[in-house]
Amino acid sequence: MADLTITHTHADGTLIDGTTKGDGTNTILKSVGFRWFRTLGTWGIPNSRDRQPKTRIIDRARTALEHAGHTVTLDIDNTHRDTATVEADRAQRQQDRADALDAKAARRHDQADTAWQRHHDATAALPPFGEPVHVGHHSERRHRNALDKAWNSIGTAVHAQNDADEAERRAHVASRTTEHRYNPVTVANRIDKLEAEQRADQRRLDGHTRTVANLPGGQKLTETTTAATGDYRQAITERMAQRADDIAYWRAVRADQIAAGHTGDYSRDTIAKGDQVKIRFHGWVPVVRANAKTVSVETPAPYGGRLIRRTIPYQEIQGHRPPHTDNNETP
């Protein structure tokens, strides 16, 4: 039996050391949620880098491995890295992945070019002018072999070209991942999501009561959640501390984007009923109502007829101007 160590750090995620081929740990680890990381040459928990340790998966793995006769030691370091370091590390890994996919796409295109050249050579070896096979002639076998070679070579070339095109597509997507991550709308949505998660965790720390049903006679059926305690409270506190760093980082990113003019800082304080806002697919439309998180606008139905009221989040507004402004005027 093996001596195994399950480690967790925010820089490397959750990994396990000490496994060897044929020791039976692969089946156990796969069943509890671990995955083989080919580039690292070890098993680990997916998406565990720069996150709180997934204790349930770790405990299940430890129990299953010890039941199978292995010795398991835990080495958990829950110290989180600052968000700027995490994002720089993520961007570098993504750039390395994009470079690797670019190289792979280049290799695939070279293979496709070679395959097409072989097909060209195979078709050039066929008898000219589409001469039919002379059945019974001494050339029949050579002619049929040439036809088979030409037919097979075009299939190989088409598959090679498809592989090259797919590799190029993946390389293009990978090269723009970081750009999309810092899209102003994406950043604003991420801040909203993080803040909502922070409020939810705060309710778990403090305890809360919510109404789950309204009963006849004006009575309400409520559900009370007590304040978190013990290890659970500690886990929430650590999670909130890490998330607070994330919120501060992304708020700074958004402030820089607003200052640079890449996006607007729109809210109920800056937009009022009757103003015009620019939105995707519809251009400039009048504001019907300014809400806390969104604006209500009316846009034409797809095939004409009555107007349709829509709510647009402030972060998706592309421009704003006072009412009765010339549509040709630059906002």
Protein backbone atom coordinates (compact mmCIF):
# COMPACT_ATOMS: atom_id res chain seq x y z
CA MET A 1 0.00 0.00 0.00
CA ALA A 2 1.12 3.56 -0.69
CA ASP A 3 1.88 6.53 1.57
CA LEU A 4 -0.13 9.37 0.05
CA THR A 5 -0.26 13.11 0.75
CA ILE A 6 -3.15 15.32 -0.29
CA THR A 7 -1.95 18.92 -0.48
CA HIS A 8 -3.82 22.15 -1.06
CA THR A 9 -2.41 25.60 -1.73
CA HIS A 10 -4.07 28.48 -3.50
CA ALA A 11 -1.23 28.63 -6.02
CA ASP A 12 -1.37 24.95 -7.03
CA GLY A 13 -4.85 23.81 -5.99
CA THR A 14 -5.56 20.38 -4.52
CA LEU A 15 -3.13 17.64 -5.61
CA ILE A 16 -2.14 14.20 -4.34
CA ASP A 17 1.40 12.87 -4.16
CA GLY A 18 2.64 9.29 -3.85
CA THR A 19 0.41 7.47 -6.34
CA THR A 20 1.95 4.99 -8.77
CA LYS A 21 0.62 3.16 -11.78
CA GLY A 22 -1.17 -0.03 -10.81
CA ASP A 23 -1.67 0.78 -7.14
CA GLY A 24 -5.46 1.03 -7.57
CA THR A 25 -5.70 4.67 -6.49
CA ASN A 26 -6.82 5.86 -9.92
CA THR A 27 -10.23 4.18 -9.69
CA ILE A 28 -10.80 5.50 -6.17
CA LEU A 29 -9.73 9.06 -6.95
CA LYS A 30 -11.79 9.24 -10.12
CA SER A 31 -14.90 8.03 -8.28
CA VAL A 32 -14.68 10.81 -5.66
CA GLY A 33 -14.08 13.72 -8.05
CA PHE A 34 -10.32 13.82 -8.71
CA ARG A 35 -8.97 14.06 -12.26
CA TRP A 36 -5.64 13.10 -13.82
CA PHE A 37 -3.64 16.20 -14.83
CA ARG A 38 -1.46 15.05 -17.70
CA THR A 39 0.77 18.13 -17.74
CA LEU A 40 1.47 17.80 -13.99
CA GLY A 41 1.68 14.02 -13.94
CA THR A 42 -0.55 13.69 -10.88
CA TRP A 43 -4.16 13.54 -9.72
CA GLY A 44 -5.97 16.61 -8.42
CA ILE A 45 -9.33 18.32 -7.97
CA PRO A 46 -10.39 20.35 -11.03
CA ASN A 47 -10.83 24.12 -10.60
CA SER A 48 -9.31 24.12 -7.12
CA ARG A 49 -6.55 26.66 -7.73
CA ASP A 50 -7.04 29.96 -5.85
CA ARG A 51 -10.19 28.68 -4.18
CA GLN A 52 -11.11 27.42 -0.74
CA PRO A 53 -10.33 23.69 -0.35
CA LYS A 54 -13.21 21.41 -1.28
CA THR A 55 -13.22 19.62 2.05
CA ARG A 56 -16.04 17.23 1.19
CA ILE A 57 -14.16 15.82 -1.80
CA ILE A 58 -10.90 15.71 0.15
CA ASP A 59 -12.55 13.89 3.07
CA ARG A 60 -14.25 11.39 0.74
CA ALA A 61 -10.94 10.70 -0.99
CA ARG A 62 -9.13 10.24 2.31
CA THR A 63 -11.77 7.87 3.67
CA ALA A 64 -11.89 5.78 0.50
CA LEU A 65 -8.12 5.55 0.21
CA GLU A 66 -7.66 4.57 3.86
CA HIS A 67 -10.40 1.97 3.51
CA ALA A 68 -8.39 0.49 0.64
CA GLY A 69 -5.35 0.22 2.92
CA HIS A 70 -3.41 3.34 1.93
CA THR A 71 -1.95 5.82 4.41
CA VAL A 72 -3.15 9.38 3.74
CA THR A 73 -1.73 12.62 5.15
CA LEU A 74 -3.38 16.01 4.66
CA ASP A 75 -1.37 19.19 4.13
CA ILE A 76 -3.83 22.06 3.73
CA ASP A 77 -2.64 25.67 3.36
CA ASN A 78 -5.65 27.96 3.06
CA THR A 79 -3.74 31.24 2.71
CA HIS A 80 -5.21 33.02 -0.30
CA ARG A 81 -3.16 35.09 -2.72
CA ASP A 82 -4.00 38.71 -3.52
CA THR A 83 -6.27 39.08 -6.54
CA ALA A 84 -3.76 41.02 -8.64
CA THR A 85 -1.28 38.14 -8.36
CA VAL A 86 -4.00 35.61 -9.17
CA GLU A 87 -5.11 37.52 -12.27
CA ALA A 88 -1.54 37.98 -13.50
CA ASP A 89 -0.91 34.26 -13.04
CA ARG A 90 -4.16 33.42 -14.84
CA ALA A 91 -3.30 35.72 -17.75
CA GLN A 92 0.16 34.16 -18.08
CA ARG A 93 -1.24 30.62 -18.08
CA GLN A 94 -3.79 31.64 -20.67
CA GLN A 95 -1.09 33.21 -22.84
CA ASP A 96 0.99 30.03 -22.57
CA ARG A 97 -2.06 28.01 -23.61
CA ALA A 98 -2.74 30.32 -26.55
CA ASP A 99 0.89 30.05 -27.68
CA ALA A 100 0.74 26.24 -27.44
CA LEU A 101 -2.47 26.16 -29.46
CA ASP A 102 -0.95 28.50 -32.06
CA ALA A 103 1.97 26.10 -32.44
CA LYS A 104 -0.42 23.17 -32.67
CA ALA A 105 -2.46 24.95 -35.34
CA ALA A 106 0.69 25.60 -37.36
CA ARG A 107 1.62 21.90 -37.16
CA ARG A 108 -1.87 20.86 -38.20
CA HIS A 109 -1.78 23.22 -41.19
CA ASP A 110 1.59 21.79 -42.25
CA GLN A 111 0.11 18.30 -42.02
CA ALA A 112 -2.90 19.41 -44.05
CA ASP A 113 -0.67 20.94 -46.74
CA THR A 114 1.30 17.68 -46.91
CA ALA A 115 -1.92 15.66 -47.17
CA TRP A 116 -3.25 17.85 -49.98
CA GLN A 117 0.05 17.52 -51.83
CA ARG A 118 -0.16 13.73 -51.54
CA HIS A 119 -3.67 13.86 -52.92
CA HIS A 120 -2.47 16.05 -55.79
CA ASP A 121 0.32 13.60 -56.55
CA ALA A 122 -2.11 10.68 -56.37
CA THR A 123 -4.56 12.27 -58.80
CA ALA A 124 -1.71 13.26 -61.12
CA ALA A 125 -0.72 9.56 -61.33
CA LEU A 126 -4.13 8.58 -62.73
CA PRO A 127 -4.49 7.95 -66.46
CA PRO A 128 -5.33 11.22 -68.25
CA PHE A 129 -8.78 12.35 -69.37
CA GLY A 130 -10.66 10.05 -66.99
CA GLU A 131 -9.74 6.91 -68.85
CA PRO A 132 -11.87 3.97 -67.61
CA VAL A 133 -10.45 0.81 -66.14
CA HIS A 134 -9.65 -1.77 -68.79
CA VAL A 135 -11.04 -4.93 -67.24
CA GLY A 136 -8.80 -7.93 -67.93
CA HIS A 137 -5.97 -5.75 -69.21
CA HIS A 138 -2.56 -5.98 -67.52
CA SER A 139 -3.03 -2.35 -66.40
CA GLU A 140 -6.26 -3.08 -64.48
CA ARG A 141 -4.66 -3.75 -61.11
CA ARG A 142 -2.35 -0.73 -61.31
CA HIS A 143 -5.26 1.48 -62.41
CA ARG A 144 -7.52 0.35 -59.53
CA ASN A 145 -4.74 0.83 -56.99
CA ALA A 146 -4.20 4.38 -58.28
CA LEU A 147 -7.92 5.12 -57.95
CA ASP A 148 -7.99 3.77 -54.39
CA LYS A 149 -4.94 5.82 -53.48
CA ALA A 150 -6.48 9.00 -54.90
CA TRP A 151 -9.77 8.34 -53.12
CA ASN A 152 -8.15 7.59 -49.76
CA SER A 153 -5.80 10.56 -50.01
CA ILE A 154 -8.64 13.06 -50.40
CA GLY A 155 -10.30 11.69 -47.24
CA THR A 156 -7.03 12.05 -45.35
CA ALA A 157 -6.57 15.58 -46.67
CA VAL A 158 -10.10 16.65 -45.71
CA HIS A 159 -9.71 15.28 -42.17
CA ALA A 160 -6.32 16.97 -41.83
CA GLN A 161 -7.80 20.27 -43.01
CA ASN A 162 -10.69 19.99 -40.55
CA ASP A 163 -8.23 19.32 -37.71
CA ALA A 164 -6.17 22.33 -38.75
CA ASP A 165 -9.21 24.61 -38.89
CA GLU A 166 -10.39 23.43 -35.46
CA ALA A 167 -6.93 23.97 -33.96
CA GLU A 168 -6.85 27.47 -35.42
CA ARG A 169 -10.33 28.22 -34.01
CA ARG A 170 -9.30 27.06 -30.53
CA ALA A 171 -6.12 29.13 -30.72
CA HIS A 172 -8.15 32.21 -31.67
CA VAL A 173 -10.58 31.67 -28.79
CA ALA A 174 -7.72 31.16 -26.32
CA SER A 175 -5.99 34.34 -27.47
CA ARG A 176 -9.10 36.40 -26.65
CA THR A 177 -10.08 34.80 -23.33
CA THR A 178 -8.34 37.39 -21.16
CA GLU A 179 -9.76 40.19 -23.32
CA HIS A 180 -13.29 38.87 -22.83
CA ARG A 181 -12.66 38.47 -19.09
CA TYR A 182 -11.95 42.21 -18.85
CA ASN A 183 -14.86 43.30 -21.03
CA PRO A 184 -16.55 46.23 -19.18
CA VAL A 185 -19.96 44.53 -19.11
CA THR A 186 -18.39 41.28 -17.86
CA VAL A 187 -16.49 43.15 -15.16
CA ALA A 188 -19.63 44.94 -13.96
CA ASN A 189 -21.61 41.69 -13.92
CA ARG A 190 -18.81 39.99 -11.99
CA ILE A 191 -18.85 42.73 -9.35
CA ASP A 192 -22.63 42.36 -8.95
CA LYS A 193 -22.27 38.59 -8.60
CA LEU A 194 -19.45 38.83 -6.05
CA GLU A 195 -21.33 41.40 -3.99
CA ALA A 196 -24.45 39.21 -3.99
CA GLU A 197 -22.41 36.22 -2.83
CA GLN A 198 -20.84 38.37 -0.12
CA ARG A 199 -24.25 39.44 1.18
CA ALA A 200 -25.44 35.82 1.18
CA ASP A 201 -22.41 34.73 3.21
CA GLN A 202 -22.95 37.58 5.64
CA ARG A 203 -26.50 36.33 6.21
CA ARG A 204 -25.07 32.88 6.94
CA LEU A 205 -22.73 34.38 9.52
CA ASP A 206 -25.44 36.46 11.18
CA GLY A 207 -28.36 34.05 10.80
CA HIS A 208 -31.62 35.16 9.20
CA THR A 209 -35.34 34.51 8.92
CA ARG A 210 -37.21 34.37 5.63
CA THR A 211 -40.86 33.96 4.65
CA VAL A 212 -41.49 30.77 2.70
CA ALA A 213 -45.30 30.99 2.38
CA ASN A 214 -48.25 33.27 3.14
CA LEU A 215 -50.97 31.39 5.01
CA PRO A 216 -54.70 32.17 5.20
CA GLY A 217 -55.61 34.80 7.72
CA GLY A 218 -52.52 36.88 7.07
CA GLN A 219 -50.19 34.49 8.82
CA LYS A 220 -46.74 33.77 7.39
CA LEU A 221 -44.74 30.58 7.38
CA THR A 222 -41.13 31.45 8.10
CA GLU A 223 -37.83 29.61 8.11
CA THR A 224 -35.03 30.60 10.46
CA THR A 225 -31.38 29.88 9.78
CA THR A 226 -29.14 30.12 12.82
CA ALA A 227 -25.77 31.84 12.70
CA ALA A 228 -22.93 29.67 11.42
CA THR A 229 -20.59 28.23 14.05
CA GLY A 230 -17.39 26.22 14.33
CA ASP A 231 -15.48 25.11 11.25
CA TYR A 232 -18.34 26.17 8.97
CA ARG A 233 -18.15 29.74 10.28
CA GLN A 234 -14.38 29.73 9.85
CA ALA A 235 -14.70 28.55 6.25
CA ILE A 236 -17.22 31.30 5.48
CA THR A 237 -15.03 33.95 7.09
CA GLU A 238 -12.02 32.88 5.03
CA ARG A 239 -14.12 32.77 1.88
CA MET A 240 -15.44 36.27 2.51
CA ALA A 241 -11.94 37.64 3.11
CA GLN A 242 -10.78 36.30 -0.25
CA ARG A 243 -13.91 37.58 -1.97
CA ALA A 244 -13.44 41.04 -0.44
CA ASP A 245 -10.04 41.22 -2.16
CA ASP A 246 -11.68 40.17 -5.42
CA ILE A 247 -14.35 42.87 -5.13
CA ALA A 248 -11.78 45.57 -4.38
CA TYR A 249 -9.67 44.49 -7.38
CA TRP A 250 -12.55 44.42 -9.88
CA ARG A 251 -13.96 47.71 -8.59
CA ALA A 252 -10.58 49.28 -9.30
CA VAL A 253 -10.57 47.74 -12.79
CA ARG A 254 -14.03 49.15 -13.48
CA ALA A 255 -13.05 52.59 -12.15
CA ASP A 256 -10.09 52.61 -14.57
CA GLN A 257 -12.37 51.60 -17.46
CA ILE A 258 -14.80 54.40 -16.63
CA ALA A 259 -11.98 56.95 -16.32
CA ALA A 260 -10.57 55.83 -19.69
CA GLY A 261 -13.97 56.22 -21.35
CA HIS A 262 -14.35 52.51 -22.20
CA THR A 263 -17.72 52.42 -20.44
CA GLY A 264 -20.14 54.77 -18.72
CA ASP A 265 -20.95 55.10 -15.05
CA TYR A 266 -24.73 54.99 -15.37
CA SER A 267 -27.24 54.77 -12.53
CA ARG A 268 -30.57 56.13 -11.36
CA ASP A 269 -28.68 59.27 -10.34
CA THR A 270 -27.56 60.01 -13.91
CA ILE A 271 -30.49 58.71 -16.01
CA ALA A 272 -34.11 59.83 -15.71
CA LYS A 273 -37.42 59.16 -17.41
CA GLY A 274 -37.49 60.73 -20.87
CA ASP A 275 -33.73 60.52 -21.45
CA GLN A 276 -32.35 58.51 -24.34
CA VAL A 277 -30.03 55.54 -23.98
CA LYS A 278 -28.22 53.49 -26.58
CA ILE A 279 -28.61 49.72 -26.34
CA ARG A 280 -27.54 46.76 -28.46
CA PHE A 281 -29.60 45.90 -31.55
CA HIS A 282 -31.98 48.89 -31.10
CA GLY A 283 -29.80 51.99 -31.00
CA TRP A 284 -31.20 55.05 -29.23
CA VAL A 285 -34.45 54.53 -27.33
CA PRO A 286 -36.31 56.66 -24.73
CA VAL A 287 -36.23 55.74 -21.06
CA VAL A 288 -39.63 54.91 -19.59
CA ARG A 289 -38.40 54.41 -16.03
CA ALA A 290 -35.11 54.45 -14.14
CA ASN A 291 -34.93 51.57 -11.65
CA ALA A 292 -32.37 50.71 -8.99
CA LYS A 293 -30.40 48.26 -11.19
CA THR A 294 -31.95 48.72 -14.64
CA VAL A 295 -33.71 51.14 -16.95
CA SER A 296 -37.05 50.35 -18.58
CA VAL A 297 -37.27 51.17 -22.28
CA GLU A 298 -39.77 50.51 -25.04
CA THR A 299 -38.57 49.07 -28.34
CA PRO A 300 -40.51 48.14 -31.50
CA ALA A 301 -41.70 44.55 -31.84
CA PRO A 302 -39.65 42.47 -34.32
CA TYR A 303 -42.35 42.62 -37.01
CA GLY A 304 -43.87 45.98 -36.19
CA GLY A 305 -46.96 46.69 -34.16
CA ARG A 306 -46.99 47.61 -30.50
CA LEU A 307 -43.95 48.56 -28.46
CA ILE A 308 -42.34 46.03 -26.14
CA ARG A 309 -41.08 47.13 -22.73
CA ARG A 310 -37.65 45.83 -21.81
CA THR A 311 -35.37 46.23 -18.81
CA ILE A 312 -31.71 46.89 -19.53
CA PRO A 313 -29.00 46.68 -16.83
CA TYR A 314 -27.08 49.92 -16.44
CA GLN A 315 -23.79 48.23 -17.34
CA GLU A 316 -25.16 47.26 -20.77
CA ILE A 317 -26.03 50.84 -21.74
CA GLN A 318 -23.72 52.01 -24.51
CA GLY A 319 -24.58 55.72 -24.43
CA HIS A 320 -26.77 58.34 -22.74
CA ARG A 321 -28.09 61.76 -23.67
CA PRO A 322 -30.86 64.16 -22.64
CA PRO A 323 -34.27 63.93 -24.33
CA HIS A 324 -35.00 65.45 -27.76
CA THR A 325 -31.40 65.16 -28.91
CA ASP A 326 -30.73 64.83 -32.64
CA ASN A 327 -30.16 61.16 -33.43
CA ASN A 328 -27.18 62.08 -35.60
CA GLU A 329 -25.49 63.89 -32.73
CA THR A 330 -22.52 62.17 -31.21
CA PRO A 331 -23.24 61.32 -27.56
